[in-house]
Amino acid sequence: MDDISPLIARISSLESQIGMYEKLFQTLSAKLDHHFKKYDTVVNAQQQQINLLTDVLSTLLNDQHRYSGIQREKLGNTLAGVASTGASLSGVVAAAGPGRQPKQATDPHFAFQHVLGSQSDHLAANSYTDDATSHRGAERHSSDSYHSDNSNTSAESDKSETREPPKPRPEPHKATDIEHKRYELFSGKFRFLASPQSVTEVWKEYTEGLAGQPSLKEMESTYRSSWRRDAGVSRKFYRRKVLCRAIETGLDKGYALEDIIDTLERHRKQKTGRQEKLPIGWLCHQSNIPSMFK
């Protein structure tokens, strides 16, 4: 009995220590859960703000694109009208011919001499009519002034007709229009594949879609982040995105898809040294991805 009593005391001491460790573990777990809830709340709030900003930016870009299209159409119509007007003017000048145009219309110097000659004729006519009555002199003066104005106008019109027609401006370079797609809002609930057992299942879920669900790529391209506003859905997506991104990195480096999947599956075995594999969740951490796929 004396030999058993120290053993019983030792066992009771170990039991009390185990109980203390269990309480510490439960306390730490509760604190971690509380912190995770806080982080999820903060992440959800930030995600909602990001979604709102994305919607606002998409609306602004769509409006800007629509306005630029309207302005481009107006500018194209204006340039087309200018081009047609220039073509008609050049046709009129070509039809007139250089030999049929008066010299005054083709040479500004002669047009100016014509204006001076008409003004000198006007002065001579006024000198010969000094002995006429004041009423007739006034009428003749007004008539000559009108004649001089017409001569100036005709000279200016001749000069304007001989000018080259305005050349239409070339159309501006049409840059490639970037279609700013306004992403739709997802109102349903996406269901991930429950407990995938292989890398192939995770990859197919990401690229093709499984169990009647669209692929993760398609959901991202169609709805952006609106389909994973729930914290649990967002967490699952980012975990599986780590593994899929590693596969994409391997493909970019030139590895075949089958070789990448086999390497990742073997990597799950090497860490244990036994036949059973580590879960897919272990491979969905960046630190557990093989360095060749980082």
Protein backbone atom coordinates (compact mmCIF):
# COMPACT_ATOMS: atom_id res chain seq x y z
CA MET A 1 0.00 0.00 0.00
CA ASP A 2 2.86 2.34 0.73
CA ASP A 3 4.16 1.79 -2.80
CA ILE A 4 0.76 2.59 -4.43
CA SER A 5 0.01 5.81 -2.57
CA PRO A 6 2.75 7.88 -4.28
CA LEU A 7 1.53 6.61 -7.64
CA ILE A 8 -2.03 7.62 -6.85
CA ALA A 9 -0.83 11.05 -5.75
CA ARG A 10 1.15 11.41 -8.95
CA ILE A 11 -1.88 10.44 -11.06
CA SER A 12 -4.10 12.94 -9.27
CA SER A 13 -1.47 15.63 -9.81
CA LEU A 14 -1.34 14.83 -13.51
CA GLU A 15 -5.13 14.91 -13.73
CA SER A 16 -5.23 18.33 -12.11
CA GLN A 17 -2.58 19.59 -14.52
CA ILE A 18 -4.49 18.17 -17.49
CA GLY A 19 -7.64 19.88 -16.26
CA MET A 20 -5.77 23.16 -15.92
CA TYR A 21 -4.40 22.81 -19.46
CA GLU A 22 -7.87 22.06 -20.78
CA LYS A 23 -9.21 25.21 -19.17
CA LEU A 24 -6.35 27.24 -20.64
CA PHE A 25 -6.98 25.74 -24.05
CA GLN A 26 -10.69 26.50 -23.85
CA THR A 27 -9.95 30.07 -22.76
CA LEU A 28 -7.52 30.60 -25.62
CA SER A 29 -9.98 29.07 -28.09
CA ALA A 30 -12.72 31.38 -26.89
CA LYS A 31 -10.43 34.39 -27.25
CA LEU A 32 -9.39 33.30 -30.73
CA ASP A 33 -13.02 32.85 -31.75
CA HIS A 34 -13.81 36.31 -30.42
CA HIS A 35 -10.93 37.84 -32.36
CA PHE A 36 -11.93 35.97 -35.52
CA LYS A 37 -15.46 37.33 -35.22
CA LYS A 38 -14.06 40.84 -34.90
CA TYR A 39 -11.87 40.35 -37.93
CA ASP A 40 -14.80 38.96 -39.93
CA THR A 41 -16.90 41.99 -39.00
CA VAL A 42 -14.15 44.39 -40.07
CA VAL A 43 -13.52 42.47 -43.30
CA ASN A 44 -17.23 42.43 -44.14
CA ALA A 45 -17.53 46.16 -43.54
CA GLN A 46 -14.52 46.86 -45.74
CA GLN A 47 -15.85 44.51 -48.40
CA GLN A 48 -19.19 46.32 -48.47
CA GLN A 49 -17.43 49.66 -48.84
CA ILE A 50 -15.29 48.26 -51.64
CA ASN A 51 -18.40 46.95 -53.40
CA LEU A 52 -20.11 50.33 -53.11
CA LEU A 53 -17.06 52.10 -54.51
CA THR A 54 -16.88 49.55 -57.32
CA ASP A 55 -20.51 50.20 -58.24
CA VAL A 56 -19.97 53.97 -58.18
CA LEU A 57 -16.86 53.71 -60.35
CA SER A 58 -18.62 51.39 -62.78
CA THR A 59 -21.51 53.86 -63.09
CA LEU A 60 -19.15 56.78 -63.67
CA LEU A 61 -17.16 54.87 -66.26
CA ASN A 62 -20.31 53.81 -68.11
CA ASP A 63 -21.59 57.39 -68.17
CA GLN A 64 -18.22 58.67 -69.37
CA HIS A 65 -18.08 56.04 -72.09
CA ARG A 66 -21.59 56.92 -73.25
CA TYR A 67 -20.78 60.65 -73.29
CA SER A 68 -17.57 60.08 -75.25
CA GLY A 69 -19.51 58.02 -77.79
CA ILE A 70 -22.01 60.86 -78.28
CA GLN A 71 -19.22 63.41 -78.69
CA ARG A 72 -17.38 61.15 -81.13
CA GLU A 73 -20.53 60.79 -83.22
CA LYS A 74 -21.11 64.56 -83.28
CA LEU A 75 -17.50 65.18 -84.26
CA GLY A 76 -17.72 62.59 -87.02
CA ASN A 77 -20.85 64.22 -88.46
CA THR A 78 -19.19 67.66 -88.36
CA LEU A 79 -16.08 66.39 -90.11
CA ALA A 80 -18.19 64.67 -92.74
CA GLY A 81 -20.02 67.96 -93.44
CA VAL A 82 -16.74 69.86 -93.71
CA ALA A 83 -15.33 67.23 -96.06
CA SER A 84 -18.39 67.35 -98.33
CA THR A 85 -18.32 71.17 -98.41
CA GLY A 86 -14.62 71.17 -99.31
CA ALA A 87 -15.21 68.62 -102.06
CA SER A 88 -18.04 70.67 -103.58
CA LEU A 89 -15.95 73.87 -103.54
CA SER A 90 -13.01 72.13 -105.18
CA GLY A 91 -15.38 70.78 -107.84
CA VAL A 92 -16.71 74.26 -108.58
CA VAL A 93 -13.20 75.72 -108.91
CA ALA A 94 -12.08 72.85 -111.13
CA ALA A 95 -15.15 73.25 -113.37
CA ALA A 96 -14.44 76.96 -113.85
CA GLY A 97 -10.94 76.26 -115.23
CA PRO A 98 -7.86 78.49 -114.98
CA GLY A 99 -8.28 80.02 -118.48
CA ARG A 100 -11.85 81.17 -117.89
CA GLN A 101 -11.13 82.99 -114.64
CA PRO A 102 -10.41 86.72 -114.98
CA LYS A 103 -6.92 87.87 -114.19
CA GLN A 104 -8.25 90.07 -111.42
CA ALA A 105 -9.61 86.95 -109.70
CA THR A 106 -6.32 85.07 -109.84
CA ASP A 107 -3.85 87.86 -109.03
CA PRO A 108 -4.39 90.03 -105.92
CA HIS A 109 -2.19 92.77 -107.43
CA PHE A 110 -4.47 93.22 -110.44
CA ALA A 111 -7.52 93.12 -108.20
CA PHE A 112 -6.04 95.98 -106.19
CA GLN A 113 -5.26 97.90 -109.40
CA HIS A 114 -8.85 97.36 -110.49
CA VAL A 115 -10.10 98.91 -107.25
CA LEU A 116 -7.75 101.90 -107.66
CA GLY A 117 -8.84 102.37 -111.29
CA SER A 118 -12.48 102.38 -110.34
CA GLN A 119 -11.77 104.95 -107.63
CA SER A 120 -9.84 107.21 -110.10
CA ASP A 121 -12.75 106.96 -112.56
CA HIS A 122 -15.00 108.02 -109.77
CA LEU A 123 -12.87 111.14 -109.07
CA ALA A 124 -12.75 112.06 -112.78
CA ALA A 125 -16.50 111.74 -113.07
CA ASN A 126 -16.94 114.05 -110.11
CA SER A 127 -14.61 116.69 -111.67
CA TYR A 128 -16.64 116.77 -114.92
CA THR A 129 -19.92 117.27 -113.09
CA ASP A 130 -18.98 120.39 -111.06
CA ASP A 131 -21.18 122.64 -113.21
CA ALA A 132 -24.26 120.45 -112.70
CA THR A 133 -26.88 121.24 -110.14
CA SER A 134 -26.29 120.31 -106.54
CA HIS A 135 -29.13 117.81 -106.63
CA ARG A 136 -27.79 115.96 -109.67
CA GLY A 137 -24.23 116.15 -108.25
CA ALA A 138 -25.41 114.52 -105.05
CA GLU A 139 -27.16 111.75 -107.00
CA ARG A 140 -24.07 111.17 -109.17
CA HIS A 141 -21.84 111.06 -106.06
CA SER A 142 -24.06 108.50 -104.38
CA SER A 143 -24.18 106.47 -107.62
CA ASP A 144 -20.39 106.52 -107.96
CA SER A 145 -19.94 105.57 -104.32
CA TYR A 146 -22.23 102.62 -104.83
CA HIS A 147 -20.25 101.66 -107.95
CA SER A 148 -16.97 101.84 -105.99
CA ASP A 149 -18.38 99.71 -103.20
CA ASN A 150 -19.56 97.14 -105.73
CA SER A 151 -16.09 97.12 -107.32
CA ASN A 152 -14.45 96.50 -103.95
CA THR A 153 -16.95 93.79 -103.14
CA SER A 154 -16.45 92.08 -106.51
CA ALA A 155 -12.67 92.20 -106.13
CA GLU A 156 -12.87 90.70 -102.65
CA SER A 157 -15.30 88.01 -103.84
CA ASP A 158 -12.99 87.18 -106.78
CA LYS A 159 -10.07 86.84 -104.40
CA SER A 160 -12.07 84.61 -102.10
CA GLU A 161 -13.15 82.37 -104.98
CA THR A 162 -9.55 81.79 -106.08
CA ARG A 163 -8.42 80.66 -102.67
CA GLU A 164 -7.95 76.97 -102.18
CA PRO A 165 -10.94 75.26 -100.65
CA PRO A 166 -10.40 74.28 -97.03
CA LYS A 167 -9.02 70.79 -96.79
CA PRO A 168 -11.04 68.52 -94.57
CA ARG A 169 -9.29 67.53 -91.42
CA PRO A 170 -8.28 63.90 -91.19
CA GLU A 171 -10.35 61.84 -88.89
CA PRO A 172 -8.79 61.42 -85.45
CA HIS A 173 -7.19 58.11 -84.64
CA LYS A 174 -9.83 55.79 -83.40
CA ALA A 175 -8.44 54.12 -80.33
CA THR A 176 -9.71 50.74 -79.27
CA ASP A 177 -12.84 51.25 -77.22
CA ILE A 178 -12.57 49.61 -73.81
CA GLU A 179 -15.93 48.26 -72.86
CA HIS A 180 -16.45 49.00 -69.18
CA LYS A 181 -18.71 46.20 -68.18
CA ARG A 182 -20.98 46.89 -65.26
CA TYR A 183 -20.85 43.80 -63.14
CA GLU A 184 -24.09 42.26 -61.97
CA LEU A 185 -25.04 41.73 -58.36
CA PHE A 186 -25.34 38.15 -57.17
CA SER A 187 -28.41 37.52 -55.03
CA GLY A 188 -28.19 33.74 -54.66
CA LYS A 189 -25.96 31.55 -52.51
CA PHE A 190 -22.96 29.74 -53.95
CA ARG A 191 -22.28 26.26 -52.59
CA PHE A 192 -18.71 25.04 -52.54
CA LEU A 193 -17.82 21.40 -52.98
CA ALA A 194 -18.00 19.86 -49.51
CA SER A 195 -14.68 18.38 -48.35
CA PRO A 196 -12.79 17.92 -51.63
CA GLN A 197 -10.45 14.93 -51.49
CA SER A 198 -8.04 15.70 -54.33
CA VAL A 199 -6.30 18.57 -56.05
CA THR A 200 -8.15 17.71 -59.25
CA GLU A 201 -11.53 18.39 -57.63
CA VAL A 202 -10.40 21.81 -56.40
CA TRP A 203 -9.00 22.69 -59.83
CA LYS A 204 -12.15 21.57 -61.66
CA GLU A 205 -14.30 23.53 -59.24
CA TYR A 206 -12.17 26.60 -60.02
CA THR A 207 -12.11 26.22 -63.82
CA GLU A 208 -15.18 24.15 -64.83
CA GLY A 209 -17.60 24.01 -61.93
CA LEU A 210 -18.96 20.95 -60.12
CA ALA A 211 -22.33 19.72 -58.86
CA GLY A 212 -24.27 22.06 -61.14
CA GLN A 213 -22.50 25.15 -59.79
CA PRO A 214 -20.66 27.59 -62.09
CA SER A 215 -16.89 27.76 -61.86
CA LEU A 216 -15.18 30.11 -59.45
CA LYS A 217 -13.57 31.90 -62.39
CA GLU A 218 -16.97 32.49 -63.96
CA MET A 219 -18.39 33.80 -60.69
CA GLU A 220 -15.48 36.22 -60.33
CA SER A 221 -15.73 37.48 -63.91
CA THR A 222 -19.52 37.90 -63.74
CA TYR A 223 -20.19 39.15 -60.22
CA ARG A 224 -16.77 40.28 -58.98
CA SER A 225 -16.94 40.07 -55.18
CA SER A 226 -20.70 40.43 -54.71
CA TRP A 227 -21.23 36.65 -54.69
CA ARG A 228 -18.90 36.12 -51.69
CA ARG A 229 -20.01 38.80 -49.29
CA ASP A 230 -20.54 36.17 -46.64
CA ALA A 231 -17.42 35.77 -44.50
CA GLY A 232 -17.42 31.97 -44.70
CA VAL A 233 -17.77 31.96 -48.48
CA SER A 234 -15.02 34.54 -48.87
CA ARG A 235 -12.70 32.55 -46.58
CA LYS A 236 -13.23 29.33 -48.55
CA PHE A 237 -12.65 31.12 -51.83
CA TYR A 238 -9.35 32.64 -50.76
CA ARG A 239 -8.09 29.33 -49.36
CA ARG A 240 -8.80 27.47 -52.57
CA LYS A 241 -7.51 30.37 -54.63
CA VAL A 242 -4.07 29.79 -53.06
CA LEU A 243 -3.95 26.24 -54.43
CA CYS A 244 -5.37 27.21 -57.84
CA ARG A 245 -2.93 30.10 -58.13
CA ALA A 246 -0.07 27.69 -57.49
CA ILE A 247 -1.34 25.50 -60.35
CA GLU A 248 -1.60 28.56 -62.62
CA THR A 249 1.97 29.51 -61.70
CA GLY A 250 3.15 26.04 -62.65
CA LEU A 251 1.32 26.27 -65.97
CA ASP A 252 2.93 29.65 -66.65
CA LYS A 253 6.34 28.11 -65.98
CA GLY A 254 5.72 25.44 -68.61
CA TYR A 255 4.74 22.43 -66.49
CA ALA A 256 1.97 20.13 -67.66
CA LEU A 257 -1.26 20.11 -65.66
CA GLU A 258 -0.99 16.37 -64.88
CA ASP A 259 2.57 16.78 -63.60
CA ILE A 260 1.57 19.69 -61.39
CA ILE A 261 -1.32 17.76 -59.85
CA ASP A 262 0.86 14.65 -59.28
CA THR A 263 3.56 16.77 -57.62
CA LEU A 264 1.04 18.38 -55.28
CA GLU A 265 -0.50 15.01 -54.40
CA ARG A 266 2.94 13.55 -53.62
CA HIS A 267 3.69 16.64 -51.54
CA ARG A 268 0.74 15.75 -49.32
CA LYS A 269 2.32 12.35 -48.60
CA GLN A 270 5.89 13.48 -48.03
CA LYS A 271 4.98 15.55 -45.02
CA THR A 272 3.62 12.55 -43.10
CA GLY A 273 5.81 9.69 -44.26
CA ARG A 274 2.77 7.41 -44.29
CA GLN A 275 0.32 6.26 -46.92
CA GLU A 276 -2.53 8.56 -45.93
CA LYS A 277 -2.42 12.09 -47.27
CA LEU A 278 -2.77 15.35 -45.48
CA PRO A 279 -6.11 17.10 -46.08
CA ILE A 280 -6.62 19.54 -48.92
CA GLY A 281 -7.03 22.35 -46.40
CA TRP A 282 -3.39 21.89 -45.39
CA LEU A 283 -2.31 22.39 -48.99
CA CYS A 284 -4.43 25.55 -49.29
CA HIS A 285 -1.94 27.55 -47.20
CA GLN A 286 0.76 29.53 -48.95
CA SER A 287 3.46 28.22 -46.62
CA ASN A 288 2.68 24.61 -47.60
CA ILE A 289 2.86 25.16 -51.37
CA PRO A 290 6.02 23.72 -53.00
CA SER A 291 8.57 26.40 -53.82
CA MET A 292 8.57 25.47 -57.51
CA PHE A 293 4.97 26.71 -57.80
CA LYS A 294 5.38 29.97 -55.88
